[in-house]
């Protein structure tokens, strides 16, 4: 059986208190089998450079990809692949599914060659993927070399 040891710092004068919650249910705190510091809510928020009491909602998936010829991901997080469904029609496939399909998404497209605006719309979304449609103003569906998407939940 492992033992728990709490050791004070000889130069410190503060009191370290472990307080039990007002609960009638047993709880278990499992520590990792490694040395280090346990993160707190305050230290985690500071890593995001966030302050104040508003919650922080992290990006759950993101991707930067080339949408012309053979579609290719340049960089991504929690995205396994991009499916090319046809001209200006892409599906962003998540590595780990979202908890539900009620997520928010942001995406953009440009070609760096013309000043013609692009219109991006969501075709469909599921817990596993987000399908995006891209149209060039006055032309119709269009592939573009610079596509990005970010998903928040």
Protein backbone atom coordinates (compact mmCIF):
# COMPACT_ATOMS: atom_id res chain seq x y z
CA UNK A 1 0.00 0.00 0.00
CA UNK A 2 1.29 3.47 -0.91
CA UNK A 3 1.48 6.14 1.73
CA UNK A 4 0.59 9.83 1.51
CA UNK A 5 3.16 12.26 2.87
CA UNK A 6 2.64 15.99 3.26
CA UNK A 7 5.87 17.82 3.94
CA UNK A 8 6.11 21.50 4.76
CA UNK A 9 8.77 23.86 3.42
CA UNK A 10 11.25 24.82 6.18
CA UNK A 11 11.42 28.47 5.03
CA UNK A 12 7.67 28.90 4.55
CA UNK A 13 5.31 30.36 7.12
CA UNK A 14 1.98 29.75 5.40
CA UNK A 15 -0.52 27.05 6.28
CA UNK A 16 -1.51 24.47 3.66
CA UNK A 17 -5.06 23.26 4.25
CA UNK A 18 -6.80 20.30 2.64
CA UNK A 19 -10.53 20.80 3.14
CA UNK A 20 -13.16 18.16 2.56
CA UNK A 21 -16.37 19.21 0.79
CA UNK A 22 -19.74 19.11 2.53
CA UNK A 23 -20.73 15.81 0.96
CA UNK A 24 -22.06 12.43 1.98
CA UNK A 25 -20.42 10.78 -1.02
CA UNK A 26 -16.92 9.31 -0.99
CA UNK A 27 -14.55 10.92 -3.51
CA UNK A 28 -11.20 9.77 -4.86
CA UNK A 29 -8.43 12.03 -6.13
CA UNK A 30 -6.02 10.05 -8.29
CA UNK A 31 -2.64 11.66 -8.79
CA UNK A 32 -0.43 10.92 -11.81
CA UNK A 33 2.58 8.67 -11.27
CA UNK A 34 5.01 11.50 -11.96
CA UNK A 35 6.47 14.56 -10.34
CA UNK A 36 5.28 18.04 -11.13
CA UNK A 37 2.71 20.65 -10.24
CA UNK A 38 -1.03 20.10 -10.23
CA UNK A 39 -2.77 22.67 -12.45
CA UNK A 40 -5.42 24.90 -10.93
CA UNK A 41 -8.21 26.75 -12.69
CA UNK A 42 -6.31 29.99 -12.17
CA UNK A 43 -3.02 28.67 -13.59
CA UNK A 44 -4.82 27.15 -16.58
CA UNK A 45 -6.56 30.44 -17.41
CA UNK A 46 -3.29 32.32 -17.19
CA UNK A 47 -1.86 30.02 -19.89
CA UNK A 48 -4.56 31.41 -22.20
CA UNK A 49 -3.66 34.98 -21.16
CA UNK A 50 -7.23 35.26 -19.89
CA UNK A 51 -8.35 37.26 -16.91
CA UNK A 52 -11.69 37.97 -15.32
CA UNK A 53 -14.59 35.69 -14.52
CA UNK A 54 -15.88 34.95 -18.05
CA UNK A 55 -15.29 31.30 -19.04
CA UNK A 56 -12.72 30.35 -21.66
CA UNK A 57 -13.84 28.03 -24.46
CA UNK A 58 -10.98 26.53 -26.41
CA UNK A 59 -10.94 25.66 -30.08
CA UNK A 60 -11.84 21.96 -30.40
CA UNK A 61 -10.58 21.50 -33.97
CA UNK A 62 -8.89 23.62 -36.65
CA UNK A 63 -7.41 23.19 -40.09
CA UNK A 64 -5.55 25.10 -42.79
CA UNK A 65 -5.66 23.34 -46.17
CA UNK A 66 -5.16 23.70 -49.91
CA UNK A 67 -8.54 23.22 -51.60
CA UNK A 68 -7.30 22.95 -55.20
CA UNK A 69 -6.19 19.89 -57.21
CA UNK A 70 -5.31 17.24 -54.62
CA UNK A 71 -6.66 18.64 -51.36
CA UNK A 72 -3.87 18.78 -48.77
CA UNK A 73 -3.81 19.76 -45.10
CA UNK A 74 -1.03 22.23 -44.30
CA UNK A 75 -1.57 22.20 -40.54
CA UNK A 76 -4.35 21.08 -38.21
CA UNK A 77 -5.48 20.09 -34.76
CA UNK A 78 -8.04 17.31 -34.13
CA UNK A 79 -8.61 16.93 -37.89
CA UNK A 80 -7.81 13.59 -39.55
CA UNK A 81 -8.53 14.50 -43.14
CA UNK A 82 -10.37 16.68 -45.63
CA UNK A 83 -12.77 15.04 -48.05
CA UNK A 84 -13.06 16.73 -51.47
CA UNK A 85 -16.75 16.24 -52.38
CA UNK A 86 -16.48 18.19 -55.64
CA UNK A 87 -15.83 21.78 -56.71
CA UNK A 88 -15.96 24.08 -53.68
CA UNK A 89 -17.35 21.33 -51.42
CA UNK A 90 -15.19 20.01 -48.56
CA UNK A 91 -15.74 17.92 -45.44
CA UNK A 92 -13.52 18.48 -42.39
CA UNK A 93 -13.27 15.13 -40.55
CA UNK A 94 -12.53 15.26 -36.80
CA UNK A 95 -10.05 12.95 -35.09
CA UNK A 96 -12.11 13.00 -31.90
CA UNK A 97 -15.83 13.61 -32.30
CA UNK A 98 -17.54 16.65 -30.80
CA UNK A 99 -19.84 15.96 -27.83
CA UNK A 100 -22.81 16.98 -30.02
CA UNK A 101 -23.46 18.86 -33.26
CA UNK A 102 -24.26 22.16 -31.49
CA UNK A 103 -20.79 23.59 -32.04
CA UNK A 104 -19.84 26.91 -33.55
CA UNK A 105 -17.61 27.11 -36.59
CA UNK A 106 -15.63 29.79 -38.38
CA UNK A 107 -14.16 29.31 -41.82
CA UNK A 108 -12.68 31.33 -44.62
CA UNK A 109 -11.31 31.03 -48.12
CA UNK A 110 -9.26 33.17 -50.52
CA UNK A 111 -7.06 32.70 -53.54
CA UNK A 112 -4.57 35.59 -53.11
CA UNK A 113 -4.91 36.22 -56.86
CA UNK A 114 -8.13 38.18 -57.32
CA UNK A 115 -10.25 40.55 -55.32
CA UNK A 116 -13.35 38.50 -56.08
CA UNK A 117 -15.19 37.76 -52.83
CA UNK A 118 -15.84 34.20 -51.71
CA UNK A 119 -19.00 33.10 -49.96
CA UNK A 120 -18.64 30.23 -47.48
CA UNK A 121 -21.59 28.29 -46.07
CA UNK A 122 -22.07 25.27 -43.86
CA UNK A 123 -23.69 22.46 -45.84
CA UNK A 124 -24.04 20.07 -42.88
CA UNK A 125 -22.51 19.27 -39.53
CA UNK A 126 -22.37 16.17 -37.37
CA UNK A 127 -20.37 15.19 -34.30
CA UNK A 128 -17.78 13.62 -36.64
CA UNK A 129 -17.46 16.23 -39.41
CA UNK A 130 -18.25 19.68 -40.80
CA UNK A 131 -19.15 20.05 -44.49
CA UNK A 132 -18.32 23.43 -46.07
CA UNK A 133 -19.41 24.95 -49.39
CA UNK A 134 -17.46 27.74 -51.11
CA UNK A 135 -18.79 29.95 -53.90
CA UNK A 136 -17.05 32.68 -55.85
CA UNK A 137 -19.26 35.72 -56.36
CA UNK A 138 -20.69 35.73 -59.88
CA UNK A 139 -19.08 32.38 -60.79
CA UNK A 140 -20.60 29.63 -58.63
CA UNK A 141 -18.89 26.90 -56.65
CA UNK A 142 -15.13 27.29 -56.67
CA UNK A 143 -12.03 25.58 -55.36
CA UNK A 144 -9.52 27.83 -53.63
CA UNK A 145 -5.95 27.29 -52.45
CA UNK A 146 -6.40 28.88 -49.01
CA UNK A 147 -9.07 27.35 -46.79
CA UNK A 148 -9.30 27.51 -43.01
CA UNK A 149 -11.81 26.30 -40.43
CA UNK A 150 -12.02 26.42 -36.63
CA UNK A 151 -14.59 24.64 -34.46
CA UNK A 152 -15.56 25.76 -30.95
CA UNK A 153 -17.69 23.90 -28.40
